[in-house]
Amino acid sequence: MRAVAALCLATSLVHLLMVFLHVAPPNAISQRYSRQIDAWVYPLFEQNWKLFAPDPDSVNRQFSARTAHTNADGTMTVSTWFDLTAVDDAAVEHDPFPSHTAQNMLRRAWTAYVDTHGGDDRAHSDRAYMLQQYLRNIAVDRVAEHRHGAFESIQIRVRTHPVPAPVPGGGPRPAVAVAGLPATETRLLPWWKVTPRGN
């Protein structure tokens, strides 16, 4: 019992130290051990100051996924698009205490993916590959929960709709291009293999 308590205490202290070094101003220790600190913190324990100075999205994103299955005769069956965003919206719509995970997991996974991949959808680092797997696993879990049947590959589509500025006088917002951006931008990610254990 004492060994378990000591292990829990040691893990808690290591966690606090790692998070402190992550959010502290750059110093000799955090620069020397940056890889180990990042490996501990990302993606589950990321810290930032947006709680105090939020940076709201200026776009709405709609995430969809479709799957592919190879049949016994070698032909490929591709499913229709499954609306992942609708699953998130349904999870919080009538819940007086909605889960932070249900509201933000997919959105934060996408933001982290774009930050590490840019526009070419190629993982150029171990962290980028890990975030690609994280995004894929979220989509796989949600599709598997709502649709039954085997699949070996998954593809994600992201539609971005800019949120127009409010119209003076309180009228309805226009559904037109904003600041030179198209009204809707669609990004189709590559097909990703799904491992036999389901992610």
N, C-alpha and C. Protein backbone atom coordinates (compact mmCIF):
# COMPACT_ATOMS: atom_id res chain seq x y z
N MET A 1 0.82 -1.20 0.00
CA MET A 1 0.00 0.00 0.00
C MET A 1 0.86 1.26 0.00
N ARG A 2 1.93 1.23 0.80
CA ARG A 2 2.82 2.39 0.85
C ARG A 2 3.55 2.58 -0.47
N ALA A 3 3.87 1.47 -1.13
CA ALA A 3 4.56 1.56 -2.42
C ALA A 3 3.66 2.23 -3.46
N VAL A 4 2.36 1.89 -3.45
CA VAL A 4 1.41 2.50 -4.39
C VAL A 4 1.27 3.98 -4.10
N ALA A 5 1.16 4.33 -2.82
CA ALA A 5 1.05 5.75 -2.44
C ALA A 5 2.30 6.52 -2.85
N ALA A 6 3.47 5.92 -2.65
CA ALA A 6 4.72 6.58 -3.03
C ALA A 6 4.80 6.75 -4.54
N LEU A 7 4.35 5.73 -5.30
CA LEU A 7 4.36 5.82 -6.76
C LEU A 7 3.42 6.92 -7.25
N CYS A 8 2.22 7.00 -6.64
CA CYS A 8 1.26 8.06 -7.01
C CYS A 8 1.83 9.44 -6.70
N LEU A 9 2.44 9.58 -5.56
CA LEU A 9 3.04 10.87 -5.18
C LEU A 9 4.17 11.24 -6.13
N ALA A 10 5.03 10.28 -6.45
CA ALA A 10 6.15 10.56 -7.36
C ALA A 10 5.63 10.95 -8.75
N THR A 11 4.61 10.24 -9.25
CA THR A 11 4.03 10.55 -10.56
C THR A 11 3.42 11.95 -10.56
N SER A 12 2.72 12.29 -9.48
CA SER A 12 2.12 13.62 -9.38
C SER A 12 3.18 14.71 -9.37
N LEU A 13 4.26 14.49 -8.66
CA LEU A 13 5.33 15.49 -8.61
C LEU A 13 6.01 15.65 -9.97
N VAL A 14 6.25 14.53 -10.65
CA VAL A 14 6.84 14.60 -11.99
C VAL A 14 5.90 15.35 -12.94
N HIS A 15 4.61 15.05 -12.85
CA HIS A 15 3.63 15.73 -13.71
C HIS A 15 3.64 17.24 -13.44
N LEU A 16 3.58 17.63 -12.20
CA LEU A 16 3.60 19.07 -11.87
C LEU A 16 4.88 19.74 -12.37
N LEU A 17 6.01 19.08 -12.22
CA LEU A 17 7.27 19.63 -12.69
C LEU A 17 7.27 19.79 -14.21
N MET A 18 6.79 18.77 -14.92
CA MET A 18 6.77 18.83 -16.39
C MET A 18 5.84 19.95 -16.88
N VAL A 19 4.66 20.06 -16.30
CA VAL A 19 3.73 21.11 -16.72
C VAL A 19 4.29 22.48 -16.37
N PHE A 20 4.91 22.60 -15.20
CA PHE A 20 5.52 23.88 -14.83
C PHE A 20 6.61 24.28 -15.83
N LEU A 21 7.47 23.34 -16.18
CA LEU A 21 8.54 23.65 -17.15
C LEU A 21 7.96 23.98 -18.52
N HIS A 22 6.81 23.37 -18.85
CA HIS A 22 6.17 23.63 -20.15
C HIS A 22 5.64 25.07 -20.23
N VAL A 23 5.02 25.56 -19.14
CA VAL A 23 4.40 26.89 -19.18
C VAL A 23 5.33 28.00 -18.71
N ALA A 24 6.44 27.64 -18.06
CA ALA A 24 7.38 28.65 -17.57
C ALA A 24 8.10 29.31 -18.74
N PRO A 25 8.59 30.54 -18.55
CA PRO A 25 9.40 31.17 -19.60
C PRO A 25 10.61 30.30 -19.93
N PRO A 26 11.09 30.37 -21.17
CA PRO A 26 12.24 29.54 -21.55
C PRO A 26 13.41 29.71 -20.58
N ASN A 27 13.97 28.59 -20.19
CA ASN A 27 15.12 28.60 -19.28
C ASN A 27 16.03 27.45 -19.66
N ALA A 28 17.16 27.35 -19.00
CA ALA A 28 18.15 26.33 -19.35
C ALA A 28 17.59 24.92 -19.22
N ILE A 29 16.82 24.66 -18.19
CA ILE A 29 16.29 23.30 -17.97
C ILE A 29 15.24 22.96 -19.02
N SER A 30 14.29 23.89 -19.25
CA SER A 30 13.23 23.58 -20.22
C SER A 30 13.77 23.47 -21.64
N GLN A 31 14.83 24.21 -21.95
CA GLN A 31 15.41 24.11 -23.29
C GLN A 31 16.21 22.81 -23.45
N ARG A 32 16.90 22.40 -22.40
CA ARG A 32 17.70 21.19 -22.47
C ARG A 32 16.82 19.94 -22.57
N TYR A 33 15.70 19.92 -21.86
CA TYR A 33 14.83 18.75 -21.82
C TYR A 33 13.52 18.98 -22.57
N SER A 34 13.54 19.81 -23.59
CA SER A 34 12.31 20.17 -24.30
C SER A 34 11.63 18.95 -24.94
N ARG A 35 12.40 18.01 -25.48
CA ARG A 35 11.80 16.83 -26.11
C ARG A 35 11.06 15.98 -25.08
N GLN A 36 11.68 15.77 -23.91
CA GLN A 36 11.05 14.96 -22.87
C GLN A 36 9.81 15.68 -22.31
N ILE A 37 9.89 16.99 -22.15
CA ILE A 37 8.75 17.76 -21.64
C ILE A 37 7.60 17.70 -22.63
N ASP A 38 7.89 17.92 -23.92
CA ASP A 38 6.84 17.86 -24.94
C ASP A 38 6.21 16.47 -25.03
N ALA A 39 7.03 15.44 -24.91
CA ALA A 39 6.50 14.07 -24.96
C ALA A 39 5.55 13.80 -23.80
N TRP A 40 5.81 14.41 -22.65
CA TRP A 40 4.94 14.23 -21.49
C TRP A 40 3.65 15.05 -21.63
N VAL A 41 3.79 16.28 -22.11
CA VAL A 41 2.66 17.22 -22.10
C VAL A 41 1.69 16.99 -23.26
N TYR A 42 2.21 16.75 -24.49
CA TYR A 42 1.32 16.65 -25.65
C TYR A 42 0.85 15.22 -25.85
N PRO A 43 -0.38 15.00 -26.32
CA PRO A 43 -1.42 15.99 -26.57
C PRO A 43 -2.39 16.16 -25.41
N LEU A 44 -2.23 15.35 -24.35
CA LEU A 44 -3.26 15.32 -23.31
C LEU A 44 -3.18 16.45 -22.28
N PHE A 45 -1.98 16.97 -22.01
CA PHE A 45 -1.84 17.93 -20.92
C PHE A 45 -1.40 19.31 -21.39
N GLU A 46 -1.69 19.63 -22.64
CA GLU A 46 -1.28 20.92 -23.20
C GLU A 46 -1.85 22.07 -22.36
N GLN A 47 -1.02 23.06 -22.12
CA GLN A 47 -1.42 24.23 -21.34
C GLN A 47 -1.24 25.48 -22.18
N ASN A 48 -2.15 26.42 -22.03
CA ASN A 48 -1.98 27.72 -22.68
C ASN A 48 -2.75 28.75 -21.86
N TRP A 49 -2.68 29.99 -22.29
CA TRP A 49 -3.29 31.08 -21.53
C TRP A 49 -4.62 31.51 -22.13
N LYS A 50 -5.23 30.72 -22.99
CA LYS A 50 -6.47 31.13 -23.64
C LYS A 50 -7.65 31.20 -22.69
N LEU A 51 -7.51 30.58 -21.52
CA LEU A 51 -8.55 30.72 -20.51
C LEU A 51 -8.71 32.18 -20.11
N PHE A 52 -7.59 32.91 -20.08
CA PHE A 52 -7.61 34.30 -19.64
C PHE A 52 -7.78 35.27 -20.80
N ALA A 53 -7.36 34.88 -21.98
CA ALA A 53 -7.48 35.74 -23.16
C ALA A 53 -7.92 34.87 -24.33
N PRO A 54 -9.19 34.48 -24.37
CA PRO A 54 -9.63 33.54 -25.41
C PRO A 54 -9.50 34.12 -26.81
N ASP A 55 -9.22 33.22 -27.73
CA ASP A 55 -9.09 33.59 -29.13
C ASP A 55 -10.15 32.80 -29.90
N PRO A 56 -11.39 33.31 -29.95
CA PRO A 56 -12.46 32.52 -30.54
C PRO A 56 -12.24 32.29 -32.03
N ASP A 57 -12.75 31.16 -32.49
CA ASP A 57 -12.65 30.83 -33.91
C ASP A 57 -13.46 31.83 -34.73
N SER A 58 -12.94 32.17 -35.89
CA SER A 58 -13.68 33.04 -36.81
C SER A 58 -14.30 32.22 -37.94
N VAL A 59 -14.27 30.88 -37.76
CA VAL A 59 -14.84 29.98 -38.76
C VAL A 59 -15.61 28.88 -38.04
N ASN A 60 -16.54 28.28 -38.76
CA ASN A 60 -17.20 27.06 -38.31
C ASN A 60 -16.67 25.93 -39.16
N ARG A 61 -16.38 24.80 -38.52
CA ARG A 61 -15.88 23.64 -39.26
C ARG A 61 -16.85 22.48 -39.12
N GLN A 62 -17.04 21.80 -40.22
CA GLN A 62 -17.90 20.62 -40.24
C GLN A 62 -17.03 19.44 -40.66
N PHE A 63 -16.90 18.46 -39.75
CA PHE A 63 -16.06 17.30 -39.98
C PHE A 63 -16.91 16.11 -40.39
N SER A 64 -16.49 15.42 -41.44
CA SER A 64 -17.18 14.21 -41.89
C SER A 64 -16.13 13.14 -42.13
N ALA A 65 -16.57 11.89 -42.11
CA ALA A 65 -15.66 10.78 -42.39
C ALA A 65 -16.40 9.73 -43.20
N ARG A 66 -15.65 9.05 -44.05
CA ARG A 66 -16.21 7.90 -44.76
C ARG A 66 -15.19 6.77 -44.67
N THR A 67 -15.68 5.56 -44.82
CA THR A 67 -14.83 4.39 -44.65
C THR A 67 -14.81 3.55 -45.92
N ALA A 68 -13.81 2.71 -46.02
CA ALA A 68 -13.68 1.80 -47.16
C ALA A 68 -13.44 0.39 -46.64
N HIS A 69 -14.08 -0.56 -47.31
CA HIS A 69 -13.96 -1.98 -46.93
C HIS A 69 -13.71 -2.79 -48.20
N THR A 70 -12.74 -3.70 -48.12
CA THR A 70 -12.46 -4.58 -49.25
C THR A 70 -13.30 -5.85 -49.12
N ASN A 71 -14.10 -6.12 -50.12
CA ASN A 71 -14.97 -7.28 -50.11
C ASN A 71 -14.20 -8.55 -50.45
N ALA A 72 -14.84 -9.70 -50.25
CA ALA A 72 -14.20 -10.99 -50.50
C ALA A 72 -13.79 -11.15 -51.96
N ASP A 73 -14.54 -10.52 -52.89
CA ASP A 73 -14.20 -10.63 -54.31
C ASP A 73 -13.16 -9.61 -54.76
N GLY A 74 -12.62 -8.83 -53.80
CA GLY A 74 -11.57 -7.86 -54.13
C GLY A 74 -12.08 -6.47 -54.46
N THR A 75 -13.40 -6.31 -54.57
CA THR A 75 -13.94 -4.98 -54.86
C THR A 75 -13.95 -4.15 -53.58
N MET A 76 -13.99 -2.85 -53.77
CA MET A 76 -13.95 -1.92 -52.64
C MET A 76 -15.33 -1.29 -52.47
N THR A 77 -15.80 -1.25 -51.22
CA THR A 77 -17.06 -0.57 -50.90
C THR A 77 -16.72 0.66 -50.07
N VAL A 78 -17.16 1.82 -50.56
CA VAL A 78 -16.93 3.08 -49.85
C VAL A 78 -18.27 3.56 -49.29
N SER A 79 -18.26 3.90 -48.00
CA SER A 79 -19.49 4.33 -47.34
C SER A 79 -19.84 5.76 -47.72
N THR A 80 -21.04 6.16 -47.33
CA THR A 80 -21.42 7.57 -47.47
C THR A 80 -20.71 8.36 -46.36
N TRP A 81 -20.73 9.67 -46.48
CA TRP A 81 -20.10 10.51 -45.48
C TRP A 81 -20.89 10.47 -44.18
N PHE A 82 -20.17 10.36 -43.06
CA PHE A 82 -20.77 10.36 -41.73
C PHE A 82 -20.39 11.67 -41.05
N ASP A 83 -21.38 12.40 -40.55
CA ASP A 83 -21.18 13.74 -39.99
C ASP A 83 -20.68 13.64 -38.54
N LEU A 84 -19.38 13.80 -38.34
CA LEU A 84 -18.79 13.76 -37.00
C LEU A 84 -19.21 14.97 -36.18
N THR A 85 -19.35 16.12 -36.82
CA THR A 85 -19.74 17.34 -36.12
C THR A 85 -21.14 17.20 -35.54
N ALA A 86 -22.04 16.55 -36.27
CA ALA A 86 -23.40 16.35 -35.77
C ALA A 86 -23.40 15.51 -34.51
N VAL A 87 -22.48 14.55 -34.41
CA VAL A 87 -22.37 13.72 -33.20
C VAL A 87 -21.97 14.60 -32.03
N ASP A 88 -20.99 15.48 -32.23
CA ASP A 88 -20.57 16.40 -31.17
C ASP A 88 -21.71 17.33 -30.77
N ASP A 89 -22.38 17.89 -31.76
CA ASP A 89 -23.48 18.83 -31.48
C ASP A 89 -24.59 18.13 -30.70
N ALA A 90 -24.93 16.90 -31.08
CA ALA A 90 -25.99 16.16 -30.40
C ALA A 90 -25.60 15.85 -28.95
N ALA A 91 -24.30 15.65 -28.71
CA ALA A 91 -23.84 15.31 -27.36
C ALA A 91 -23.97 16.48 -26.40
N VAL A 92 -23.98 17.71 -26.90
CA VAL A 92 -24.02 18.88 -26.02
C VAL A 92 -25.32 19.68 -26.11
N GLU A 93 -26.15 19.38 -27.10
CA GLU A 93 -27.30 20.25 -27.39
C GLU A 93 -28.25 20.42 -26.20
N HIS A 94 -28.68 19.35 -25.57
CA HIS A 94 -29.65 19.44 -24.48
C HIS A 94 -29.04 19.06 -23.13
N ASP A 95 -27.73 19.08 -23.06
CA ASP A 95 -27.04 18.72 -21.82
C ASP A 95 -26.72 19.99 -21.04
N PRO A 96 -27.24 20.16 -19.83
CA PRO A 96 -26.95 21.37 -19.07
C PRO A 96 -25.49 21.47 -18.64
N PHE A 97 -24.79 20.34 -18.57
CA PHE A 97 -23.38 20.33 -18.21
C PHE A 97 -22.61 19.53 -19.26
N PRO A 98 -22.47 20.08 -20.47
CA PRO A 98 -21.83 19.30 -21.54
C PRO A 98 -20.36 19.06 -21.27
N SER A 99 -19.90 17.96 -21.77
CA SER A 99 -18.50 17.57 -21.61
C SER A 99 -17.59 18.47 -22.44
N HIS A 100 -16.52 18.92 -21.82
CA HIS A 100 -15.50 19.70 -22.53
C HIS A 100 -14.91 18.86 -23.67
N THR A 101 -14.78 17.56 -23.42
CA THR A 101 -14.25 16.66 -24.45
C THR A 101 -15.16 16.60 -25.65
N ALA A 102 -16.46 16.47 -25.42
CA ALA A 102 -17.41 16.40 -26.53
C ALA A 102 -17.40 17.69 -27.34
N GLN A 103 -17.18 18.81 -26.69
CA GLN A 103 -17.20 20.09 -27.39
C GLN A 103 -15.93 20.37 -28.18
N ASN A 104 -14.79 19.93 -27.66
CA ASN A 104 -13.53 20.42 -28.20
C ASN A 104 -12.55 19.38 -28.71
N MET A 105 -12.77 18.10 -28.46
CA MET A 105 -11.75 17.11 -28.83
C MET A 105 -11.43 17.13 -30.32
N LEU A 106 -12.44 17.07 -31.15
CA LEU A 106 -12.22 17.02 -32.60
C LEU A 106 -11.64 18.34 -33.11
N ARG A 107 -12.17 19.45 -32.60
CA ARG A 107 -11.67 20.77 -33.03
C ARG A 107 -10.20 20.96 -32.65
N ARG A 108 -9.84 20.58 -31.42
CA ARG A 108 -8.45 20.74 -30.97
C ARG A 108 -7.53 19.78 -31.71
N ALA A 109 -8.02 18.56 -31.99
CA ALA A 109 -7.20 17.62 -32.76
C ALA A 109 -6.92 18.16 -34.15
N TRP A 110 -7.92 18.80 -34.76
CA TRP A 110 -7.74 19.39 -36.09
C TRP A 110 -6.75 20.54 -36.04
N THR A 111 -6.87 21.42 -35.05
CA THR A 111 -5.96 22.55 -34.92
C THR A 111 -4.52 22.06 -34.77
N ALA A 112 -4.31 21.05 -33.93
CA ALA A 112 -2.97 20.51 -33.74
C ALA A 112 -2.46 19.85 -35.02
N TYR A 113 -3.35 19.18 -35.75
CA TYR A 113 -2.97 18.54 -37.01
C TYR A 113 -2.50 19.59 -38.02
N VAL A 114 -3.28 20.66 -38.18
CA VAL A 114 -2.92 21.71 -39.14
C VAL A 114 -1.62 22.38 -38.74
N ASP A 115 -1.43 22.60 -37.44
CA ASP A 115 -0.19 23.24 -36.96
C ASP A 115 1.04 22.42 -37.30
N THR A 116 0.91 21.09 -37.33
CA THR A 116 2.08 20.24 -37.57
C THR A 116 2.19 19.77 -39.02
N HIS A 117 1.11 19.83 -39.78
CA HIS A 117 1.14 19.33 -41.16
C HIS A 117 1.08 20.42 -42.22
N GLY A 118 0.61 21.60 -41.85
CA GLY A 118 0.45 22.64 -42.88
C GLY A 118 -0.61 22.20 -43.86
N GLY A 119 -0.34 22.40 -45.14
CA GLY A 119 -1.33 22.10 -46.16
C GLY A 119 -1.05 20.85 -46.96
N ASP A 120 0.07 20.15 -46.68
CA ASP A 120 0.43 19.02 -47.54
C ASP A 120 0.05 17.65 -46.97
N ASP A 121 -0.49 17.60 -45.75
CA ASP A 121 -0.95 16.35 -45.13
C ASP A 121 0.14 15.30 -45.02
N ARG A 122 1.38 15.75 -44.89
CA ARG A 122 2.50 14.83 -44.69
C ARG A 122 3.12 15.09 -43.34
N ALA A 123 3.31 14.02 -42.56
CA ALA A 123 3.91 14.15 -41.23
C ALA A 123 5.42 14.28 -41.38
N HIS A 124 5.96 15.41 -40.94
CA HIS A 124 7.39 15.66 -41.06
C HIS A 124 8.13 15.46 -39.75
N SER A 125 7.43 14.98 -38.71
CA SER A 125 8.06 14.73 -37.42
C SER A 125 7.27 13.66 -36.69
N ASP A 126 7.87 13.12 -35.62
CA ASP A 126 7.16 12.11 -34.82
C ASP A 126 5.90 12.70 -34.20
N ARG A 127 5.97 13.95 -33.76
CA ARG A 127 4.80 14.59 -33.15
C ARG A 127 3.69 14.76 -34.19
N ALA A 128 4.06 15.14 -35.41
CA ALA A 128 3.06 15.29 -36.46
C ALA A 128 2.39 13.95 -36.75
N TYR A 129 3.18 12.88 -36.79
CA TYR A 129 2.61 11.55 -37.04
C TYR A 129 1.69 11.13 -35.90
N MET A 130 2.09 11.44 -34.65
CA MET A 130 1.26 11.11 -33.50
C MET A 130 -0.08 11.86 -33.57
N LEU A 131 -0.05 13.15 -33.95
CA LEU A 131 -1.28 13.93 -34.05
C LEU A 131 -2.16 13.46 -35.21
N GLN A 132 -1.53 12.97 -36.27
CA GLN A 132 -2.29 12.38 -37.38
C GLN A 132 -3.04 11.13 -36.89
N GLN A 133 -2.34 10.28 -36.13
CA GLN A 133 -2.97 9.09 -35.58
C GLN A 133 -4.09 9.46 -34.61
N TYR A 134 -3.87 10.51 -33.82
CA TYR A 134 -4.87 10.96 -32.85
C TYR A 134 -6.15 11.39 -33.56
N LEU A 135 -6.02 12.19 -34.61
CA LEU A 135 -7.18 12.64 -35.38
C LEU A 135 -7.88 11.44 -36.02
N ARG A 136 -7.09 10.54 -36.61
CA ARG A 136 -7.67 9.34 -37.23
C ARG A 136 -8.41 8.50 -36.20
N ASN A 137 -7.83 8.31 -35.02
CA ASN A 137 -8.45 7.47 -33.99
C ASN A 137 -9.77 8.05 -33.49
N ILE A 138 -9.84 9.38 -33.37
CA ILE A 138 -11.10 10.00 -32.97
C ILE A 138 -12.18 9.68 -34.00
N ALA A 139 -11.84 9.85 -35.27
CA ALA A 139 -12.81 9.57 -36.34
C ALA A 139 -13.20 8.09 -36.35
N VAL A 140 -12.23 7.20 -36.22
CA VAL A 140 -12.51 5.76 -36.23
C VAL A 140 -13.44 5.39 -35.07
N ASP A 141 -13.14 5.90 -33.87
CA ASP A 141 -13.97 5.57 -32.70
C ASP A 141 -15.40 6.04 -32.89
N ARG A 142 -15.58 7.25 -33.42
CA ARG A 142 -16.93 7.79 -33.55
C ARG A 142 -17.72 7.09 -34.66
N VAL A 143 -17.04 6.77 -35.75
CA VAL A 143 -17.73 6.05 -36.82
C VAL A 143 -18.10 4.65 -36.34
N ALA A 144 -17.17 3.95 -35.70
CA ALA A 144 -17.44 2.58 -35.23
C ALA A 144 -18.55 2.55 -34.19
N GLU A 145 -18.68 3.60 -33.40
CA GLU A 145 -19.73 3.65 -32.38
C GLU A 145 -21.12 3.79 -32.99
N HIS A 146 -21.22 4.46 -34.15
CA HIS A 146 -22.53 4.75 -34.74
C HIS A 146 -22.84 3.94 -35.99
N ARG A 147 -21.83 3.35 -36.59
CA ARG A 147 -22.05 2.53 -37.78
C ARG A 147 -21.40 1.18 -37.56
N HIS A 148 -22.14 0.14 -37.88
CA HIS A 148 -21.60 -1.21 -37.68
C HIS A 148 -21.07 -1.75 -39.01
N GLY A 149 -20.09 -2.59 -38.92
CA GLY A 149 -19.47 -3.16 -40.11
C GLY A 149 -17.98 -2.91 -40.12
N ALA A 150 -17.27 -3.81 -40.75
CA ALA A 150 -15.81 -3.71 -40.79
C ALA A 150 -15.37 -2.70 -41.83
N PHE A 151 -14.23 -2.06 -41.58
CA PHE A 151 -13.60 -1.19 -42.57
C PHE A 151 -12.11 -1.17 -42.32
N GLU A 152 -11.36 -0.96 -43.39
CA GLU A 152 -9.90 -0.99 -43.29
C GLU A 152 -9.26 0.38 -43.48
N SER A 153 -10.02 1.34 -44.01
CA SER A 153 -9.48 2.67 -44.27
C SER A 153 -10.53 3.72 -43.92
N ILE A 154 -10.04 4.91 -43.60
CA ILE A 154 -10.94 6.01 -43.29
C ILE A 154 -10.41 7.29 -43.92
N GLN A 155 -11.32 8.14 -44.33
CA GLN A 155 -10.96 9.43 -44.92
C GLN A 155 -11.78 10.52 -44.22
N ILE A 156 -11.15 11.63 -43.95
CA ILE A 156 -11.80 12.75 -43.26
C ILE A 156 -11.93 13.92 -44.21
N ARG A 157 -13.09 14.58 -44.15
CA ARG A 157 -13.34 15.79 -44.94
C ARG A 157 -13.66 16.92 -43.95
N VAL A 158 -13.04 18.07 -44.19
CA VAL A 158 -13.26 19.23 -43.32
C VAL A 158 -13.76 20.37 -44.18
N ARG A 159 -14.96 20.85 -43.87
CA ARG A 159 -15.52 22.01 -44.56
C ARG A 159 -15.45 23.20 -43.62
N THR A 160 -14.84 24.26 -44.09
CA THR A 160 -14.65 25.46 -43.28
C THR A 160 -15.53 26.57 -43.81
N HIS A 161 -16.37 27.10 -42.93
CA HIS A 161 -17.29 28.18 -43.28
C HIS A 161 -16.89 29.42 -42.49
N PRO A 162 -16.40 30.48 -43.13
CA PRO A 162 -16.06 31.70 -42.38
C PRO A 162 -17.30 32.29 -41.73
N VAL A 163 -17.12 32.84 -40.54
CA VAL A 163 -18.22 33.50 -39.83
C VAL A 163 -18.14 34.99 -40.17
N PRO A 164 -19.14 35.52 -40.88
CA PRO A 164 -19.10 36.94 -41.25
C PRO A 164 -19.23 37.84 -40.03
N ALA A 165 -18.72 39.05 -40.16
CA ALA A 165 -18.88 40.03 -39.09
C ALA A 165 -20.34 40.42 -38.97
N PRO A 166 -20.77 40.83 -37.78
CA PRO A 166 -22.17 41.24 -37.62
C PRO A 166 -22.51 42.42 -38.52
N VAL A 167 -23.74 42.44 -38.97
CA VAL A 167 -24.22 43.53 -39.81
C VAL A 167 -24.67 44.68 -38.90
N PRO A 168 -24.25 45.91 -39.20
CA PRO A 168 -24.73 47.04 -38.39
C PRO A 168 -26.25 47.08 -38.39
N GLY A 169 -26.83 47.33 -37.26
CA GLY A 169 -28.28 47.38 -37.15
C GLY A 169 -28.90 46.05 -36.77
N GLY A 170 -28.07 45.01 -36.60
CA GLY A 170 -28.57 43.72 -36.12
C GLY A 170 -29.24 42.85 -37.14
N GLY A 171 -29.05 43.09 -38.42
CA GLY A 171 -29.65 42.26 -39.45
C GLY A 171 -28.98 40.91 -39.54
N PRO A 172 -29.48 40.03 -40.39
CA PRO A 172 -28.87 38.70 -40.54
C PRO A 172 -27.49 38.80 -41.18
N ARG A 173 -26.62 37.88 -40.78
CA ARG A 173 -25.27 37.86 -41.35
C ARG A 173 -25.32 37.35 -42.79
N PRO A 174 -24.55 37.94 -43.67
CA PRO A 174 -24.57 37.47 -45.05
C PRO A 174 -23.80 36.16 -45.20
N ALA A 175 -24.29 35.29 -46.08
CA ALA A 175 -23.59 34.03 -46.35
C ALA A 175 -22.76 34.19 -47.62
N VAL A 176 -21.84 35.15 -47.59
CA VAL A 176 -21.01 35.43 -48.76
C VAL A 176 -19.56 35.36 -48.34
N ALA A 177 -18.68 35.53 -49.30
CA ALA A 177 -17.25 35.49 -49.01
C ALA A 177 -16.89 36.57 -48.01
N VAL A 178 -15.95 36.23 -47.11
CA VAL A 178 -15.52 37.15 -46.08
C VAL A 178 -14.05 37.47 -46.28
N ALA A 179 -13.73 38.75 -46.40
CA ALA A 179 -12.35 39.21 -46.54
C ALA A 179 -11.62 38.45 -47.65
N GLY A 180 -12.28 38.21 -48.74
CA GLY A 180 -11.64 37.56 -49.87
C GLY A 180 -11.63 36.05 -49.80
N LEU A 181 -12.12 35.46 -48.68
CA LEU A 181 -12.15 34.01 -48.56
C LEU A 181 -13.40 33.46 -49.22
N PRO A 182 -13.33 32.25 -49.77
CA PRO A 182 -14.55 31.67 -50.33
C PRO A 182 -15.55 31.38 -49.21
N ALA A 183 -16.83 31.30 -49.56
CA ALA A 183 -17.86 31.05 -48.56
C ALA A 183 -17.63 29.72 -47.86
N THR A 184 -17.16 28.71 -48.56
CA THR A 184 -16.87 27.40 -47.97
C THR A 184 -15.59 26.85 -48.58
N GLU A 185 -14.71 26.37 -47.73
CA GLU A 185 -13.47 25.74 -48.19
C GLU A 185 -13.50 24.28 -47.74
N THR A 186 -13.26 23.37 -48.67
CA THR A 186 -13.30 21.94 -48.35
C THR A 186 -11.90 21.35 -48.45
N ARG A 187 -11.49 20.62 -47.40
CA ARG A 187 -10.19 19.96 -47.41
C ARG A 187 -10.44 18.47 -47.22
N LEU A 188 -9.95 17.70 -48.16
CA LEU A 188 -10.11 16.25 -48.15
C LEU A 188 -8.77 15.62 -47.76
N LEU A 189 -8.73 14.95 -46.63
CA LEU A 189 -7.49 14.32 -46.18
C LEU A 189 -7.29 12.99 -46.90
N PRO A 190 -6.06 12.49 -46.91
CA PRO A 190 -5.82 11.20 -47.59
C PRO A 190 -6.52 10.05 -46.87
N TRP A 191 -6.65 8.94 -47.57
CA TRP A 191 -7.16 7.72 -46.93
C TRP A 191 -6.10 7.23 -45.95
N TRP A 192 -6.53 6.91 -44.74
CA TRP A 192 -5.62 6.37 -43.73
C TRP A 192 -6.05 4.96 -43.39
N LYS A 193 -5.06 4.07 -43.26
CA LYS A 193 -5.32 2.68 -42.89
C LYS A 193 -5.76 2.62 -41.44
N VAL A 194 -6.68 1.70 -41.17
CA VAL A 194 -7.12 1.42 -39.81
C VAL A 194 -6.51 0.09 -39.40
N THR A 195 -5.82 0.07 -38.27
CA THR A 195 -5.14 -1.16 -37.84
C THR A 195 -6.14 -2.20 -37.39
N PRO A 196 -5.76 -3.48 -37.36
CA PRO A 196 -6.70 -4.54 -36.99
C PRO A 196 -7.34 -4.36 -35.62
N ARG A 197 -6.64 -3.68 -34.68
CA ARG A 197 -7.25 -3.51 -33.36
C ARG A 197 -8.22 -2.36 -33.34
N GLY A 198 -8.47 -1.72 -34.50
CA GLY A 198 -9.53 -0.74 -34.59
C GLY A 198 -9.09 0.70 -34.58
N ASN A 199 -7.80 0.97 -34.44
CA ASN A 199 -7.35 2.37 -34.49
C ASN A 199 -5.96 2.45 -35.06
